[in-house]
């Protein structure tokens, strides 16, 4: 394991990167483990197929899911998704899909999983796939969700999450699970649109429960205004690790008066992930000039580089 990461340091107003020893920090749990991120990306990638190419089964398990997929020569899933299933079988062998919400009105798909082995409850949002999703993606105007603190977020993301009160349905399920598993950690994750929804929902859930919540988003666009960023980052029971891949174009949008939140782990082609924690981004970092690649956005590309960029 490489115990260094690149940290931005201000020199005469300009940011450069320097290597920092993180062995002590990670021993003190001040970061997130690579294996946990790979677990979450695996379920995030597989949710694209759940209920579509792979049958949705109540109280499903990882083992049952793998059996139905017929891992090996007879499997219809791409090899990289078979690798994700194999990873989950090894690291979350007792994992179960407790609930799968598929709302046709909003085209919102959300899975809630439970692992007693890892003491983890995970909420997984599916990303953009349909024209309905793009309808919400392209609604760039903001809506206010907290007048007192002037918090405004992307109207499309908020409407998709709250239509038919789906956010309340998820929250009631999480609260019920916490009555049985009060010491379990809550993770919220998703890719692309799912990354934006996971970030927004993680914030909303943090206002409803006292337990610690960790959002791990992949390929997320920006979600809200500067007051949204300040309020999000000030939450004591909410952590966010925003995983980005090389020059992923989606991470550059929306660009005007929208801000990224949380800590950034950037996957790089040189196989060394950059840990940008408490980093003041310049206009360049997530501009269209730096983030210009549509191909870097694919979930499979994130999985490929995460498997290589270990920490």
Protein backbone atom coordinates (compact mmCIF):
# COMPACT_ATOMS: atom_id res chain seq x y z
CA UNK A 1 0.00 0.00 0.00
CA UNK A 2 1.30 3.46 -0.95
CA UNK A 3 1.03 5.67 2.15
CA UNK A 4 1.21 8.99 0.33
CA UNK A 5 -1.28 11.22 -1.43
CA UNK A 6 -1.03 14.51 -3.27
CA UNK A 7 -2.32 17.47 -1.30
CA UNK A 8 -2.85 20.97 -2.71
CA UNK A 9 -0.74 23.62 -0.98
CA UNK A 10 -1.08 27.36 -1.51
CA UNK A 11 2.14 29.10 -2.63
CA UNK A 12 1.76 32.81 -3.35
CA UNK A 13 -1.92 32.33 -4.06
CA UNK A 14 -1.38 29.45 -6.49
CA UNK A 15 -2.15 25.81 -5.64
CA UNK A 16 0.41 23.08 -6.25
CA UNK A 17 0.41 19.48 -5.07
CA UNK A 18 2.78 17.81 -2.65
CA UNK A 19 3.03 14.27 -1.33
CA UNK A 20 1.82 13.67 2.24
CA UNK A 21 2.26 10.56 4.37
CA UNK A 22 -1.23 9.30 5.24
CA UNK A 23 -0.42 6.09 7.12
CA UNK A 24 -1.21 7.71 10.48
CA UNK A 25 -4.34 9.44 9.17
CA UNK A 26 -5.80 6.23 7.78
CA UNK A 27 -4.92 4.32 10.93
CA UNK A 28 -7.03 6.92 12.77
CA UNK A 29 -9.93 6.47 10.34
CA UNK A 30 -9.64 9.97 8.94
CA UNK A 31 -10.23 8.73 5.41
CA UNK A 32 -12.19 6.06 3.61
CA UNK A 33 -10.82 2.62 2.76
CA UNK A 34 -10.26 1.70 -0.87
CA UNK A 35 -12.12 -1.57 -0.35
CA UNK A 36 -15.22 0.25 0.91
CA UNK A 37 -15.23 2.51 -2.13
CA UNK A 38 -14.85 -0.52 -4.42
CA UNK A 39 -17.77 -2.22 -2.64
CA UNK A 40 -19.95 0.82 -3.23
CA UNK A 41 -18.93 1.22 -6.87
CA UNK A 42 -19.68 -2.47 -7.44
CA UNK A 43 -23.28 -2.16 -6.22
CA UNK A 44 -23.62 1.17 -8.04
CA UNK A 45 -22.56 -0.40 -11.33
CA UNK A 46 -24.79 -3.45 -10.89
CA UNK A 47 -27.91 -1.44 -10.06
CA UNK A 48 -28.04 -0.39 -13.73
CA UNK A 49 -29.01 -3.99 -14.54
CA UNK A 50 -31.19 -4.74 -11.52
CA UNK A 51 -34.86 -5.04 -12.42
CA UNK A 52 -33.94 -4.91 -16.12
CA UNK A 53 -31.53 -7.53 -17.43
CA UNK A 54 -31.44 -9.18 -13.98
CA UNK A 55 -34.71 -10.07 -12.28
CA UNK A 56 -35.69 -8.09 -9.19
CA UNK A 57 -36.35 -10.46 -6.25
CA UNK A 58 -37.67 -9.40 -2.79
CA UNK A 59 -35.04 -9.71 -0.02
CA UNK A 60 -32.49 -10.68 -2.61
CA UNK A 61 -28.96 -11.74 -1.60
CA UNK A 62 -25.60 -11.34 -3.30
CA UNK A 63 -25.36 -15.12 -3.64
CA UNK A 64 -28.80 -15.41 -5.26
CA UNK A 65 -28.02 -12.49 -7.53
CA UNK A 66 -24.75 -14.12 -8.60
CA UNK A 67 -26.48 -17.47 -9.19
CA UNK A 68 -29.11 -15.89 -11.43
CA UNK A 69 -26.39 -14.08 -13.39
CA UNK A 70 -24.63 -17.42 -14.01
CA UNK A 71 -21.14 -16.00 -13.53
CA UNK A 72 -18.82 -17.55 -16.12
CA UNK A 73 -19.23 -18.56 -19.75
CA UNK A 74 -23.05 -18.50 -19.64
CA UNK A 75 -23.29 -15.04 -18.05
CA UNK A 76 -24.83 -12.31 -20.21
CA UNK A 77 -23.26 -9.51 -18.16
CA UNK A 78 -19.98 -7.90 -19.33
CA UNK A 79 -16.80 -9.25 -17.75
CA UNK A 80 -16.21 -6.12 -15.67
CA UNK A 81 -19.67 -6.51 -14.04
CA UNK A 82 -18.91 -10.16 -13.36
CA UNK A 83 -15.76 -8.97 -11.60
CA UNK A 84 -17.88 -6.59 -9.50
CA UNK A 85 -20.19 -9.45 -8.46
CA UNK A 86 -17.18 -11.61 -7.57
CA UNK A 87 -15.77 -8.76 -5.46
CA UNK A 88 -19.06 -8.39 -3.56
CA UNK A 89 -19.25 -12.14 -2.95
CA UNK A 90 -15.81 -11.98 -1.36
CA UNK A 91 -16.25 -8.81 0.72
CA UNK A 92 -20.00 -8.59 1.38
CA UNK A 93 -21.01 -12.23 1.13
CA UNK A 94 -24.01 -11.74 3.43
CA UNK A 95 -25.22 -8.63 1.59
CA UNK A 96 -28.96 -8.39 0.94
CA UNK A 97 -31.12 -6.07 -1.14
CA UNK A 98 -33.76 -5.12 1.41
CA UNK A 99 -35.78 -2.81 -0.84
CA UNK A 100 -35.80 -1.75 -4.48
CA UNK A 101 -37.84 1.32 -5.39
CA UNK A 102 -38.74 1.77 -9.06
CA UNK A 103 -41.02 4.78 -9.51
CA UNK A 104 -42.34 4.95 -13.09
CA UNK A 105 -43.61 8.53 -12.66
CA UNK A 106 -40.18 9.98 -11.91
CA UNK A 107 -38.02 7.13 -13.28
CA UNK A 108 -36.25 7.00 -9.91
CA UNK A 109 -34.58 3.70 -9.04
CA UNK A 110 -33.11 3.19 -5.58
CA UNK A 111 -31.81 0.09 -3.85
CA UNK A 112 -31.38 -0.31 -0.08
CA UNK A 113 -28.89 -2.98 0.95
CA UNK A 114 -27.78 -4.42 4.28
CA UNK A 115 -24.57 -6.19 5.30
CA UNK A 116 -24.34 -7.52 8.85
CA UNK A 117 -20.74 -8.56 8.22
CA UNK A 118 -19.75 -4.95 7.46
CA UNK A 119 -22.39 -3.39 9.77
CA UNK A 120 -23.48 -1.27 6.85
CA UNK A 121 -26.76 0.01 5.41
CA UNK A 122 -26.36 1.35 1.89
CA UNK A 123 -28.71 3.44 -0.25
CA UNK A 124 -27.86 3.16 -3.96
CA UNK A 125 -29.24 5.56 -6.61
CA UNK A 126 -29.23 4.59 -10.27
CA UNK A 127 -27.85 7.13 -12.74
CA UNK A 128 -29.13 8.58 -16.02
CA UNK A 129 -30.51 6.08 -18.52
CA UNK A 130 -33.80 7.33 -19.96
CA UNK A 131 -35.13 10.46 -21.63
CA UNK A 132 -37.02 11.08 -18.38
CA UNK A 133 -33.70 11.20 -16.53
CA UNK A 134 -32.33 13.72 -19.01
CA UNK A 135 -35.48 15.80 -18.54
CA UNK A 136 -34.53 16.20 -14.88
CA UNK A 137 -30.80 16.56 -15.63
CA UNK A 138 -31.41 19.55 -17.90
CA UNK A 139 -33.60 21.53 -15.49
CA UNK A 140 -30.72 23.77 -14.43
CA UNK A 141 -32.72 26.38 -12.48
CA UNK A 142 -32.42 26.14 -8.70
CA UNK A 143 -35.06 25.66 -6.04
CA UNK A 144 -34.81 26.76 -2.40
CA UNK A 145 -34.78 23.97 0.20
CA UNK A 146 -33.78 26.12 3.20
CA UNK A 147 -34.84 29.78 3.17
CA UNK A 148 -33.19 30.59 6.50
CA UNK A 149 -29.76 29.58 5.19
CA UNK A 150 -30.38 30.54 1.55
CA UNK A 151 -29.78 26.97 0.34
CA UNK A 152 -30.66 26.45 -3.31
CA UNK A 153 -30.20 23.22 -5.25
CA UNK A 154 -30.67 21.94 -8.80
CA UNK A 155 -34.43 21.88 -9.43
CA UNK A 156 -34.37 18.77 -11.61
CA UNK A 157 -32.46 16.65 -9.08
CA UNK A 158 -34.72 17.83 -6.25
CA UNK A 159 -37.94 17.16 -8.18
CA UNK A 160 -36.92 13.65 -9.17
CA UNK A 161 -35.92 12.79 -5.61
CA UNK A 162 -39.05 14.21 -3.99
CA UNK A 163 -41.72 13.31 -6.57
CA UNK A 164 -44.35 11.01 -5.03
CA UNK A 165 -42.51 11.64 -1.74
CA UNK A 166 -39.96 8.95 -2.58
CA UNK A 167 -37.41 10.59 -0.28
CA UNK A 168 -39.83 10.08 2.62
CA UNK A 169 -40.35 6.43 1.63
CA UNK A 170 -36.58 5.85 1.74
CA UNK A 171 -36.19 7.70 5.04
CA UNK A 172 -38.95 5.70 6.74
CA UNK A 173 -37.26 2.47 5.62
CA UNK A 174 -33.87 3.62 6.93
CA UNK A 175 -35.33 4.66 10.28
CA UNK A 176 -37.03 1.26 10.59
CA UNK A 177 -33.76 -0.54 9.85
CA UNK A 178 -31.93 1.60 12.43
CA UNK A 179 -34.36 0.44 15.11
CA UNK A 180 -32.98 -3.07 14.57
CA UNK A 181 -29.40 -2.06 13.70
CA UNK A 182 -28.81 1.20 15.64
CA UNK A 183 -25.00 1.03 15.44
CA UNK A 184 -24.79 0.44 11.69
CA UNK A 185 -23.16 3.05 9.49
CA UNK A 186 -25.22 4.61 6.70
CA UNK A 187 -23.70 4.89 3.22
CA UNK A 188 -25.36 6.68 0.29
CA UNK A 189 -23.95 6.21 -3.19
CA UNK A 190 -24.63 6.52 -6.90
CA UNK A 191 -23.09 7.29 -10.29
CA UNK A 192 -23.71 10.36 -12.49
CA UNK A 193 -27.30 11.51 -11.83
CA UNK A 194 -27.26 8.89 -9.07
CA UNK A 195 -24.22 10.64 -7.60
CA UNK A 196 -26.06 13.95 -7.51
CA UNK A 197 -29.16 12.32 -5.98
CA UNK A 198 -27.04 10.52 -3.37
CA UNK A 199 -25.39 13.82 -2.38
CA UNK A 200 -28.70 15.63 -2.09
CA UNK A 201 -30.43 12.78 -0.26
CA UNK A 202 -27.49 12.30 2.12
CA UNK A 203 -27.86 15.94 3.15
CA UNK A 204 -31.64 15.60 3.61
CA UNK A 205 -31.24 12.39 5.61
CA UNK A 206 -28.66 14.02 7.89
CA UNK A 207 -31.43 16.39 9.03
CA UNK A 208 -33.63 13.42 9.96
CA UNK A 209 -31.29 11.09 11.88
CA UNK A 210 -28.37 11.49 14.29
CA UNK A 211 -26.30 8.56 12.99
CA UNK A 212 -23.22 9.22 10.88
CA UNK A 213 -23.84 9.23 7.14
CA UNK A 214 -21.16 8.84 4.48
CA UNK A 215 -21.94 9.83 0.90
CA UNK A 216 -19.66 8.29 -1.73
CA UNK A 217 -20.62 9.71 -5.10
CA UNK A 218 -19.16 8.78 -8.47
CA UNK A 219 -19.08 11.11 -11.49
CA UNK A 220 -21.43 13.59 -9.83
CA UNK A 221 -22.32 16.93 -11.35
CA UNK A 222 -22.60 19.94 -9.04
CA UNK A 223 -25.79 20.12 -6.99
CA UNK A 224 -26.29 23.56 -5.43
CA UNK A 225 -25.24 27.12 -4.68
CA UNK A 226 -22.46 28.36 -2.39
CA UNK A 227 -24.72 28.42 0.66
CA UNK A 228 -25.61 24.80 -0.10
CA UNK A 229 -21.88 24.02 -0.04
CA UNK A 230 -21.33 25.85 3.26
CA UNK A 231 -24.31 24.19 4.93
CA UNK A 232 -23.45 20.73 3.58
CA UNK A 233 -19.80 20.87 4.62
CA UNK A 234 -20.72 22.11 8.11
CA UNK A 235 -22.89 19.06 8.92
CA UNK A 236 -21.33 17.15 11.83
CA UNK A 237 -22.93 13.78 10.99
CA UNK A 238 -22.28 13.93 7.24
CA UNK A 239 -19.14 13.08 5.27
CA UNK A 240 -18.82 13.12 1.51
CA UNK A 241 -16.17 11.50 -0.68
CA UNK A 242 -16.67 12.58 -4.27
CA UNK A 243 -14.92 10.17 -6.63
CA UNK A 244 -14.00 11.60 -10.03
CA UNK A 245 -12.25 9.91 -12.93
CA UNK A 246 -9.52 11.66 -14.89
CA UNK A 247 -11.19 14.26 -17.15
CA UNK A 248 -14.85 13.24 -16.72
CA UNK A 249 -16.89 15.92 -18.51
CA UNK A 250 -20.01 15.57 -16.33
CA UNK A 251 -18.10 16.75 -13.24
CA UNK A 252 -17.74 20.17 -14.93
CA UNK A 253 -21.50 20.84 -14.97
CA UNK A 254 -23.59 22.78 -14.10
CA UNK A 255 -20.88 25.43 -14.10
CA UNK A 256 -22.45 28.82 -13.32
CA UNK A 257 -23.06 29.53 -9.61
CA UNK A 258 -22.95 25.82 -8.73
CA UNK A 259 -20.40 24.33 -6.31
CA UNK A 260 -18.98 20.90 -5.51
CA UNK A 261 -19.12 19.72 -1.88
CA UNK A 262 -17.11 17.39 0.34
CA UNK A 263 -13.73 15.76 -0.21
CA UNK A 264 -12.55 14.77 -3.66
CA UNK A 265 -10.68 11.60 -4.58
CA UNK A 266 -9.56 11.93 -8.18
CA UNK A 267 -8.62 8.76 -10.04
CA UNK A 268 -5.65 9.37 -12.32
CA UNK A 269 -4.21 7.48 -15.27
CA UNK A 270 -0.80 7.33 -13.58
CA UNK A 271 -2.33 4.89 -11.04
CA UNK A 272 -1.96 7.33 -8.13
CA UNK A 273 -5.23 8.70 -6.76
CA UNK A 274 -5.18 12.35 -5.70
CA UNK A 275 -6.78 13.12 -2.31
CA UNK A 276 -8.09 16.68 -2.40
CA UNK A 277 -9.41 17.19 1.13
CA UNK A 278 -10.52 20.63 2.34
CA UNK A 279 -9.38 21.97 -0.99
CA UNK A 280 -10.29 25.43 -2.32
CA UNK A 281 -10.93 24.72 -5.99
CA UNK A 282 -9.81 27.17 -8.64
CA UNK A 283 -12.07 27.86 -11.63
CA UNK A 284 -9.81 25.55 -13.66
CA UNK A 285 -10.08 22.36 -11.58
CA UNK A 286 -13.55 21.33 -12.69
CA UNK A 287 -13.98 23.51 -15.76
CA UNK A 288 -14.74 22.23 -19.25
CA UNK A 289 -11.08 22.95 -20.10
CA UNK A 290 -9.89 20.41 -17.53
CA UNK A 291 -12.86 18.01 -17.62
CA UNK A 292 -13.60 17.41 -21.29
CA UNK A 293 -13.86 13.63 -21.75
CA UNK A 294 -17.26 11.90 -22.19
CA UNK A 295 -15.59 8.45 -22.16
CA UNK A 296 -14.15 9.02 -18.66
CA UNK A 297 -17.71 9.26 -17.38
CA UNK A 298 -18.75 5.63 -17.89
CA UNK A 299 -19.27 3.62 -14.71
CA UNK A 300 -17.11 0.81 -16.11
CA UNK A 301 -14.24 3.27 -16.59
CA UNK A 302 -14.53 4.32 -12.95
CA UNK A 303 -14.37 0.67 -11.91
CA UNK A 304 -11.36 0.01 -14.12
CA UNK A 305 -9.33 2.91 -12.73
CA UNK A 306 -10.45 2.35 -9.12
CA UNK A 307 -9.12 -1.21 -9.34
CA UNK A 308 -5.76 0.22 -10.46
CA UNK A 309 -5.61 3.31 -8.19
CA UNK A 310 -5.37 1.60 -4.81
CA UNK A 311 -4.54 3.26 -1.49
